[in-house]
Amino acid sequence: LSLLLHYAFDWPFSVVFVLGNLPFYWLAVRRMGWEFTIKTF
């Protein structure tokens, strides 16, 4: 999805990738734990 937005709008992949993943960290903390979430971030 981040690559697609990069191609469509010429936004930097890294910025879109980091921001696009922000909503999923809540699930990661609740279901997978802090260690997993920090490593994933």
All heavy atoms as atom14 arrays in JSON, in Angstrom:
{
  "sequence": "LSLLLHYAFDWPFSVVFVLGNLPFYWLAVRRMGWEFTIKTF",
  "atom14_mask": [
    [1, 1, 1, 1, 1, 1, 1, 1, 0, 0, 0, 0, 0, 0],
    [1, 1, 1, 1, 1, 1, 0, 0, 0, 0, 0, 0, 0, 0],
    [1, 1, 1, 1, 1, 1, 1, 1, 0, 0, 0, 0, 0, 0],
    [1, 1, 1, 1, 1, 1, 1, 1, 0, 0, 0, 0, 0, 0],
    [1, 1, 1, 1, 1, 1, 1, 1, 0, 0, 0, 0, 0, 0],
    [1, 1, 1, 1, 1, 1, 1, 1, 1, 1, 0, 0, 0, 0],
    [1, 1, 1, 1, 1, 1, 1, 1, 1, 1, 1, 1, 0, 0],
    [1, 1, 1, 1, 1, 0, 0, 0, 0, 0, 0, 0, 0, 0],
    [1, 1, 1, 1, 1, 1, 1, 1, 1, 1, 1, 0, 0, 0],
    [1, 1, 1, 1, 1, 1, 1, 1, 0, 0, 0, 0, 0, 0],
    [1, 1, 1, 1, 1, 1, 1, 1, 1, 1, 1, 1, 1, 1],
    [1, 1, 1, 1, 1, 1, 1, 0, 0, 0, 0, 0, 0, 0],
    [1, 1, 1, 1, 1, 1, 1, 1, 1, 1, 1, 0, 0, 0],
    [1, 1, 1, 1, 1, 1, 0, 0, 0, 0, 0, 0, 0, 0],
    [1, 1, 1, 1, 1, 1, 1, 0, 0, 0, 0, 0, 0, 0],
    [1, 1, 1, 1, 1, 1, 1, 0, 0, 0, 0, 0, 0, 0],
    [1, 1, 1, 1, 1, 1, 1, 1, 1, 1, 1, 0, 0, 0],
    [1, 1, 1, 1, 1, 1, 1, 0, 0, 0, 0, 0, 0, 0],
    [1, 1, 1, 1, 1, 1, 1, 1, 0, 0, 0, 0, 0, 0],
    [1, 1, 1, 1, 0, 0, 0, 0, 0, 0, 0, 0, 0, 0],
    [1, 1, 1, 1, 1, 1, 1, 1, 0, 0, 0, 0, 0, 0],
    [1, 1, 1, 1, 1, 1, 1, 1, 0, 0, 0, 0, 0, 0],
    [1, 1, 1, 1, 1, 1, 1, 0, 0, 0, 0, 0, 0, 0],
    [1, 1, 1, 1, 1, 1, 1, 1, 1, 1, 1, 0, 0, 0],
    [1, 1, 1, 1, 1, 1, 1, 1, 1, 1, 1, 1, 0, 0],
    [1, 1, 1, 1, 1, 1, 1, 1, 1, 1, 1, 1, 1, 1],
    [1, 1, 1, 1, 1, 1, 1, 1, 0, 0, 0, 0, 0, 0],
    [1, 1, 1, 1, 1, 0, 0, 0, 0, 0, 0, 0, 0, 0],
    [1, 1, 1, 1, 1, 1, 1, 0, 0, 0, 0, 0, 0, 0],
    [1, 1, 1, 1, 1, 1, 1, 1, 1, 1, 1, 0, 0, 0],
    [1, 1, 1, 1, 1, 1, 1, 1, 1, 1, 1, 0, 0, 0],
    [1, 1, 1, 1, 1, 1, 1, 1, 0, 0, 0, 0, 0, 0],
    [1, 1, 1, 1, 0, 0, 0, 0, 0, 0, 0, 0, 0, 0],
    [1, 1, 1, 1, 1, 1, 1, 1, 1, 1, 1, 1, 1, 1],
    [1, 1, 1, 1, 1, 1, 1, 1, 1, 0, 0, 0, 0, 0],
    [1, 1, 1, 1, 1, 1, 1, 1, 1, 1, 1, 0, 0, 0],
    [1, 1, 1, 1, 1, 1, 1, 0, 0, 0, 0, 0, 0, 0],
    [1, 1, 1, 1, 1, 1, 1, 1, 0, 0, 0, 0, 0, 0],
    [1, 1, 1, 1, 1, 1, 1, 1, 1, 0, 0, 0, 0, 0],
    [1, 1, 1, 1, 1, 1, 1, 0, 0, 0, 0, 0, 0, 0],
    [1, 1, 1, 1, 1, 1, 1, 1, 1, 1, 1, 0, 0, 0]
  ],
  "atom14_positions": [
    [[0.83, -1.2, 0.0], [0.0, 0.0, 0.0], [0.87, 1.25, 0.0], [0.59, 2.22, -0.71], [-0.94, 0.0, 1.2], [-1.89, 1.18, 1.33], [-2.78, 1.32, 0.1], [-2.74, 1.03, 2.59], [0.0, 0.0, 0.0], [0.0, 0.0, 0.0], [0.0, 0.0, 0.0], [0.0, 0.0, 0.0], [0.0, 0.0, 0.0], [0.0, 0.0, 0.0]],
    [[1.97, 1.22, 0.76], [2.89, 2.36, 0.8], [3.56, 2.58, -0.55], [3.72, 3.72, -0.99], [3.95, 2.13, 1.88], [3.34, 2.02, 3.14], [0.0, 0.0, 0.0], [0.0, 0.0, 0.0], [0.0, 0.0, 0.0], [0.0, 0.0, 0.0], [0.0, 0.0, 0.0], [0.0, 0.0, 0.0], [0.0, 0.0, 0.0], [0.0, 0.0, 0.0]],
    [[3.96, 1.49, -1.22], [4.53, 1.62, -2.57], [3.51, 2.21, -3.54], [3.83, 3.08, -4.35], [5.03, 0.27, -3.08], [6.37, -0.22, -2.55], [6.62, -1.66, -2.97], [7.51, 0.68, -3.0], [0.0, 0.0, 0.0], [0.0, 0.0, 0.0], [0.0, 0.0, 0.0], [0.0, 0.0, 0.0], [0.0, 0.0, 0.0], [0.0, 0.0, 0.0]],
    [[2.27, 1.74, -3.45], [1.23, 2.23, -4.34], [1.0, 3.73, -4.14], [0.9, 4.49, -5.12], [-0.07, 1.45, -4.12], [-1.2, 1.73, -5.09], [-0.8, 1.43, -6.53], [-2.44, 0.93, -4.7], [0.0, 0.0, 0.0], [0.0, 0.0, 0.0], [0.0, 0.0, 0.0], [0.0, 0.0, 0.0], [0.0, 0.0, 0.0], [0.0, 0.0, 0.0]],
    [[0.96, 4.18, -2.9], [0.81, 5.61, -2.61], [2.04, 6.39, -3.07], [1.93, 7.52, -3.54], [0.53, 5.84, -1.13], [-0.83, 5.32, -0.65], [-0.92, 5.38, 0.87], [-1.97, 6.08, -1.3], [0.0, 0.0, 0.0], [0.0, 0.0, 0.0], [0.0, 0.0, 0.0], [0.0, 0.0, 0.0], [0.0, 0.0, 0.0], [0.0, 0.0, 0.0]],
    [[3.2, 5.78, -2.95], [4.43, 6.39, -3.45], [4.36, 6.6, -4.97], [4.68, 7.67, -5.47], [5.64, 5.53, -3.08], [6.9, 5.86, -3.81], [7.59, 7.03, -3.57], [7.57, 5.19, -4.76], [8.67, 7.05, -4.36], [8.67, 5.95, -5.09], [0.0, 0.0, 0.0], [0.0, 0.0, 0.0], [0.0, 0.0, 0.0], [0.0, 0.0, 0.0]],
    [[3.91, 5.57, -5.69], [3.79, 5.68, -7.14], [2.72, 6.7, -7.54], [2.9, 7.47, -8.47], [3.44, 4.33, -7.78], [4.42, 3.22, -7.52], [3.98, 1.9, -7.41], [5.78, 3.45, -7.39], [4.86, 0.87, -7.18], [6.67, 2.42, -7.15], [6.2, 1.13, -7.05], [7.09, 0.1, -6.82], [0.0, 0.0, 0.0], [0.0, 0.0, 0.0]],
    [[1.6, 6.69, -6.83], [0.47, 7.55, -7.2], [0.73, 9.02, -6.89], [0.33, 9.89, -7.67], [-0.8, 7.09, -6.48], [0.0, 0.0, 0.0], [0.0, 0.0, 0.0], [0.0, 0.0, 0.0], [0.0, 0.0, 0.0], [0.0, 0.0, 0.0], [0.0, 0.0, 0.0], [0.0, 0.0, 0.0], [0.0, 0.0, 0.0], [0.0, 0.0, 0.0]],
    [[1.38, 9.31, -5.76], [1.51, 10.7, -5.31], [2.95, 11.17, -5.15], [3.18, 12.29, -4.73], [0.77, 10.89, -3.98], [-0.68, 10.55, -4.07], [-1.17, 9.39, -3.48], [-1.57, 11.38, -4.75], [-2.52, 9.07, -3.56], [-2.91, 11.07, -4.83], [-3.39, 9.91, -4.25], [0.0, 0.0, 0.0], [0.0, 0.0, 0.0], [0.0, 0.0, 0.0]],
    [[3.92, 10.29, -5.43], [5.34, 10.61, -5.3], [5.72, 10.99, -3.87], [6.62, 11.79, -3.64], [5.76, 11.71, -6.29], [7.26, 11.71, -6.52], [7.89, 10.64, -6.43], [7.82, 12.8, -6.78], [0.0, 0.0, 0.0], [0.0, 0.0, 0.0], [0.0, 0.0, 0.0], [0.0, 0.0, 0.0], [0.0, 0.0, 0.0], [0.0, 0.0, 0.0]],
    [[5.03, 10.41, -2.9], [5.39, 10.6, -1.5], [6.55, 9.66, -1.17], [6.62, 8.57, -1.73], [4.21, 10.29, -0.59], [3.04, 11.21, -0.73], [3.04, 12.49, -1.2], [1.68, 10.92, -0.39], [1.78, 13.02, -1.17], [0.91, 12.06, -0.67], [1.04, 9.81, 0.13], [-0.45, 12.13, -0.46], [-0.32, 9.86, 0.35], [-1.06, 11.02, 0.06]],
    [[7.43, 10.03, -0.25], [8.53, 9.13, 0.12], [7.99, 7.83, 0.71], [7.15, 7.84, 1.61], [9.32, 9.91, 1.16], [8.88, 11.33, 1.02], [7.49, 11.3, 0.46], [0.0, 0.0, 0.0], [0.0, 0.0, 0.0], [0.0, 0.0, 0.0], [0.0, 0.0, 0.0], [0.0, 0.0, 0.0], [0.0, 0.0, 0.0], [0.0, 0.0, 0.0]],
    [[8.49, 6.7, 0.19], [8.03, 5.4, 0.66], [8.18, 5.27, 2.17], [7.26, 4.83, 2.86], [8.8, 4.28, -0.05], [8.6, 2.93, 0.58], [7.43, 2.23, 0.37], [9.56, 2.38, 1.41], [7.21, 0.99, 0.96], [9.37, 1.15, 2.0], [8.19, 0.45, 1.78], [0.0, 0.0, 0.0], [0.0, 0.0, 0.0], [0.0, 0.0, 0.0]],
    [[9.34, 5.65, 2.7], [9.6, 5.45, 4.12], [8.6, 6.18, 5.01], [8.13, 5.63, 6.0], [11.03, 5.88, 4.47], [11.24, 7.23, 4.1], [0.0, 0.0, 0.0], [0.0, 0.0, 0.0], [0.0, 0.0, 0.0], [0.0, 0.0, 0.0], [0.0, 0.0, 0.0], [0.0, 0.0, 0.0], [0.0, 0.0, 0.0], [0.0, 0.0, 0.0]],
    [[8.24, 7.4, 4.64], [7.3, 8.19, 5.44], [5.91, 7.55, 5.4], [5.26, 7.37, 6.44], [7.25, 9.65, 4.94], [6.16, 10.44, 5.65], [8.61, 10.32, 5.12], [0.0, 0.0, 0.0], [0.0, 0.0, 0.0], [0.0, 0.0, 0.0], [0.0, 0.0, 0.0], [0.0, 0.0, 0.0], [0.0, 0.0, 0.0], [0.0, 0.0, 0.0]],
    [[5.46, 7.18, 4.22], [4.14, 6.55, 4.07], [4.11, 5.22, 4.82], [3.12, 4.9, 5.5], [3.79, 6.35, 2.58], [2.47, 5.62, 2.42], [3.76, 7.69, 1.85], [0.0, 0.0, 0.0], [0.0, 0.0, 0.0], [0.0, 0.0, 0.0], [0.0, 0.0, 0.0], [0.0, 0.0, 0.0], [0.0, 0.0, 0.0], [0.0, 0.0, 0.0]],
    [[5.19, 4.46, 4.73], [5.28, 3.15, 5.38], [5.19, 3.28, 6.9], [4.43, 2.55, 7.55], [6.58, 2.49, 4.95], [6.71, 1.03, 5.3], [5.64, 0.16, 5.19], [7.93, 0.54, 5.7], [5.78, -1.18, 5.5], [8.08, -0.81, 6.01], [7.0, -1.67, 5.91], [0.0, 0.0, 0.0], [0.0, 0.0, 0.0], [0.0, 0.0, 0.0]],
    [[5.94, 4.21, 7.47], [5.92, 4.39, 8.92], [4.55, 4.9, 9.38], [3.96, 4.36, 10.32], [7.05, 5.35, 9.37], [6.88, 5.76, 10.82], [8.41, 4.69, 9.17], [0.0, 0.0, 0.0], [0.0, 0.0, 0.0], [0.0, 0.0, 0.0], [0.0, 0.0, 0.0], [0.0, 0.0, 0.0], [0.0, 0.0, 0.0], [0.0, 0.0, 0.0]],
    [[4.02, 5.92, 8.72], [2.73, 6.49, 9.12], [1.58, 5.51, 8.91], [0.66, 5.43, 9.73], [2.46, 7.79, 8.37], [3.4, 8.96, 8.7], [3.06, 10.17, 7.84], [3.35, 9.31, 10.18], [0.0, 0.0, 0.0], [0.0, 0.0, 0.0], [0.0, 0.0, 0.0], [0.0, 0.0, 0.0], [0.0, 0.0, 0.0], [0.0, 0.0, 0.0]],
    [[1.62, 4.76, 7.83], [0.56, 3.8, 7.54], [0.46, 2.67, 8.55], [-0.61, 2.08, 8.73], [0.0, 0.0, 0.0], [0.0, 0.0, 0.0], [0.0, 0.0, 0.0], [0.0, 0.0, 0.0], [0.0, 0.0, 0.0], [0.0, 0.0, 0.0], [0.0, 0.0, 0.0], [0.0, 0.0, 0.0], [0.0, 0.0, 0.0], [0.0, 0.0, 0.0]],
    [[1.56, 2.39, 9.21], [1.58, 1.31, 10.19], [1.18, 1.76, 11.59], [0.94, 0.91, 12.45], [2.96, 0.66, 10.23], [3.1, -0.38, 9.16], [2.45, -1.41, 9.18], [3.95, -0.1, 8.18], [0.0, 0.0, 0.0], [0.0, 0.0, 0.0], [0.0, 0.0, 0.0], [0.0, 0.0, 0.0], [0.0, 0.0, 0.0], [0.0, 0.0, 0.0]],
    [[1.1, 3.06, 11.84], [0.79, 3.55, 13.19], [-0.47, 2.94, 13.8], [-0.45, 2.55, 14.96], [0.72, 5.08, 13.19], [2.05, 5.8, 13.02], [1.83, 7.32, 12.98], [3.05, 5.43, 14.1], [0.0, 0.0, 0.0], [0.0, 0.0, 0.0], [0.0, 0.0, 0.0], [0.0, 0.0, 0.0], [0.0, 0.0, 0.0], [0.0, 0.0, 0.0]],
    [[-1.58, 2.82, 13.05], [-2.79, 2.27, 13.68], [-2.66, 0.82, 14.15], [-3.39, 0.39, 15.04], [-3.85, 2.36, 12.57], [-3.33, 3.34, 11.6], [-1.83, 3.28, 11.69], [0.0, 0.0, 0.0], [0.0, 0.0, 0.0], [0.0, 0.0, 0.0], [0.0, 0.0, 0.0], [0.0, 0.0, 0.0], [0.0, 0.0, 0.0], [0.0, 0.0, 0.0]],
    [[-1.71, 0.09, 13.62], [-1.6, -1.33, 13.96], [-0.76, -1.59, 15.21], [-0.74, -2.71, 15.71], [-1.03, -2.1, 12.77], [-1.96, -2.13, 11.6], [-1.84, -1.2, 10.59], [-2.97, -3.07, 11.52], [-2.71, -1.2, 9.51], [-3.85, -3.09, 10.45], [-3.72, -2.15, 9.44], [0.0, 0.0, 0.0], [0.0, 0.0, 0.0], [0.0, 0.0, 0.0]],
    [[-0.08, -0.58, 15.71], [0.73, -0.79, 16.9], [-0.12, -1.07, 18.13], [0.29, -1.78, 19.04], [1.68, 0.39, 17.14], [2.75, 0.48, 16.08], [2.92, 1.64, 15.33], [3.57, -0.61, 15.81], [3.89, 1.71, 14.35], [4.53, -0.54, 14.82], [4.69, 0.62, 14.1], [5.65, 0.68, 13.13], [0.0, 0.0, 0.0], [0.0, 0.0, 0.0]],
    [[-1.32, -0.51, 18.16], [-2.23, -0.79, 19.29], [-2.53, -2.29, 19.36], [-2.46, -2.9, 20.42], [-3.52, 0.02, 19.12], [-4.52, -0.21, 20.2], [-4.53, 0.32, 21.44], [-5.66, -1.06, 20.12], [-5.61, -0.14, 22.16], [-6.32, -1.01, 21.36], [-6.19, -1.88, 19.13], [-7.47, -1.71, 21.63], [-7.34, -2.59, 19.39], [-7.97, -2.5, 20.64]],
    [[-2.87, -2.89, 18.22], [-3.12, -4.34, 18.16], [-1.85, -5.1, 18.53], [-1.91, -6.09, 19.26], [-3.6, -4.75, 16.77], [-3.8, -6.25, 16.54], [-4.89, -6.8, 17.46], [-4.14, -6.52, 15.09], [0.0, 0.0, 0.0], [0.0, 0.0, 0.0], [0.0, 0.0, 0.0], [0.0, 0.0, 0.0], [0.0, 0.0, 0.0], [0.0, 0.0, 0.0]],
    [[-0.73, -4.63, 18.05], [0.53, -5.31, 18.34], [0.82, -5.32, 19.84], [1.18, -6.36, 20.4], [1.68, -4.65, 17.59], [0.0, 0.0, 0.0], [0.0, 0.0, 0.0], [0.0, 0.0, 0.0], [0.0, 0.0, 0.0], [0.0, 0.0, 0.0], [0.0, 0.0, 0.0], [0.0, 0.0, 0.0], [0.0, 0.0, 0.0], [0.0, 0.0, 0.0]],
    [[0.64, -4.19, 20.5], [0.89, -4.13, 21.95], [-0.08, -5.03, 22.69], [0.31, -5.81, 23.56], [0.79, -2.68, 22.48], [0.78, -2.65, 24.0], [1.94, -1.84, 21.95], [0.0, 0.0, 0.0], [0.0, 0.0, 0.0], [0.0, 0.0, 0.0], [0.0, 0.0, 0.0], [0.0, 0.0, 0.0], [0.0, 0.0, 0.0], [0.0, 0.0, 0.0]],
    [[-1.36, -4.94, 22.35], [-2.39, -5.7, 23.07], [-2.28, -7.21, 22.84], [-2.53, -7.98, 23.76], [-3.78, -5.22, 22.67], [-4.09, -3.83, 23.17], [-5.5, -3.39, 22.84], [-6.51, -4.35, 23.21], [-7.18, -4.38, 24.37], [-6.91, -3.47, 25.27], [-8.1, -5.28, 24.59], [0.0, 0.0, 0.0], [0.0, 0.0, 0.0], [0.0, 0.0, 0.0]],
    [[-1.94, -7.62, 21.63], [-1.98, -9.04, 21.29], [-0.62, -9.71, 21.22], [-0.52, -10.91, 21.42], [-2.7, -9.24, 19.96], [-4.12, -8.76, 19.95], [-4.94, -9.53, 20.92], [-6.33, -9.12, 20.83], [-7.28, -9.58, 21.6], [-7.01, -10.45, 22.52], [-8.51, -9.13, 21.46], [0.0, 0.0, 0.0], [0.0, 0.0, 0.0], [0.0, 0.0, 0.0]],
    [[0.42, -8.93, 20.89], [1.72, -9.53, 20.66], [2.76, -9.13, 21.71], [3.81, -9.73, 21.79], [2.24, -9.14, 19.27], [1.25, -9.38, 18.14], [0.78, -11.1, 17.92], [2.26, -11.73, 17.2], [0.0, 0.0, 0.0], [0.0, 0.0, 0.0], [0.0, 0.0, 0.0], [0.0, 0.0, 0.0], [0.0, 0.0, 0.0], [0.0, 0.0, 0.0]],
    [[2.47, -8.07, 22.48], [3.37, -7.64, 23.54], [4.3, -6.51, 23.12], [4.44, -6.18, 21.95], [0.0, 0.0, 0.0], [0.0, 0.0, 0.0], [0.0, 0.0, 0.0], [0.0, 0.0, 0.0], [0.0, 0.0, 0.0], [0.0, 0.0, 0.0], [0.0, 0.0, 0.0], [0.0, 0.0, 0.0], [0.0, 0.0, 0.0], [0.0, 0.0, 0.0]],
    [[4.92, -5.92, 24.15], [5.8, -4.77, 23.92], [7.06, -5.14, 23.13], [7.52, -4.38, 22.3], [6.18, -4.12, 25.24], [5.1, -3.2, 25.73], [4.21, -3.45, 26.75], [4.78, -1.91, 25.22], [3.35, -2.39, 26.89], [3.69, -1.42, 25.95], [5.3, -1.12, 24.2], [3.12, -0.18, 25.72], [4.73, 0.12, 23.96], [3.66, 0.57, 24.72]],
    [[7.64, -6.29, 23.44], [8.87, -6.7, 22.73], [8.62, -6.75, 21.23], [9.38, -6.19, 20.44], [9.36, -8.06, 23.24], [10.58, -8.56, 22.48], [10.94, -10.0, 22.83], [10.37, -10.58, 23.78], [11.79, -10.55, 22.12], [0.0, 0.0, 0.0], [0.0, 0.0, 0.0], [0.0, 0.0, 0.0], [0.0, 0.0, 0.0], [0.0, 0.0, 0.0]],
    [[7.56, -7.45, 20.83], [7.21, -7.55, 19.41], [6.96, -6.17, 18.82], [7.43, -5.86, 17.72], [5.96, -8.43, 19.26], [5.43, -8.52, 17.85], [5.9, -9.48, 16.98], [4.48, -7.62, 17.4], [5.43, -9.55, 15.68], [3.99, -7.68, 16.1], [4.47, -8.65, 15.24], [0.0, 0.0, 0.0], [0.0, 0.0, 0.0], [0.0, 0.0, 0.0]],
    [[6.21, -5.33, 19.53], [5.84, -4.01, 19.01], [7.06, -3.12, 18.81], [7.19, -2.46, 17.77], [4.83, -3.34, 19.95], [3.71, -4.21, 20.13], [4.36, -2.01, 19.4], [0.0, 0.0, 0.0], [0.0, 0.0, 0.0], [0.0, 0.0, 0.0], [0.0, 0.0, 0.0], [0.0, 0.0, 0.0], [0.0, 0.0, 0.0], [0.0, 0.0, 0.0]],
    [[7.96, -3.11, 19.78], [9.16, -2.28, 19.65], [10.04, -2.78, 18.5], [10.52, -1.99, 17.68], [9.93, -2.24, 20.98], [9.12, -1.45, 22.02], [11.32, -1.63, 20.8], [9.61, -1.59, 23.44], [0.0, 0.0, 0.0], [0.0, 0.0, 0.0], [0.0, 0.0, 0.0], [0.0, 0.0, 0.0], [0.0, 0.0, 0.0], [0.0, 0.0, 0.0]],
    [[10.22, -4.1, 18.41], [11.02, -4.65, 17.32], [10.38, -4.31, 15.97], [11.07, -3.99, 15.01], [11.15, -6.17, 17.45], [12.08, -6.63, 18.53], [12.1, -8.15, 18.54], [12.99, -8.72, 19.6], [12.96, -10.2, 19.57], [0.0, 0.0, 0.0], [0.0, 0.0, 0.0], [0.0, 0.0, 0.0], [0.0, 0.0, 0.0], [0.0, 0.0, 0.0]],
    [[9.06, -4.4, 15.9], [8.35, -4.11, 14.66], [8.47, -2.65, 14.29], [8.7, -2.3, 13.11], [6.88, -4.54, 14.78], [6.85, -5.97, 14.95], [6.08, -4.16, 13.55], [0.0, 0.0, 0.0], [0.0, 0.0, 0.0], [0.0, 0.0, 0.0], [0.0, 0.0, 0.0], [0.0, 0.0, 0.0], [0.0, 0.0, 0.0], [0.0, 0.0, 0.0]],
    [[8.32, -1.76, 15.25], [8.46, -0.33, 14.98], [9.85, -0.02, 14.41], [9.99, 0.68, 13.41], [8.2, 0.49, 16.25], [8.35, 1.96, 16.03], [7.32, 2.69, 15.45], [9.52, 2.62, 16.39], [7.45, 4.06, 15.23], [9.66, 3.99, 16.17], [8.62, 4.71, 15.59], [0.0, 0.0, 0.0], [0.0, 0.0, 0.0], [0.0, 0.0, 0.0]]
  ]
}
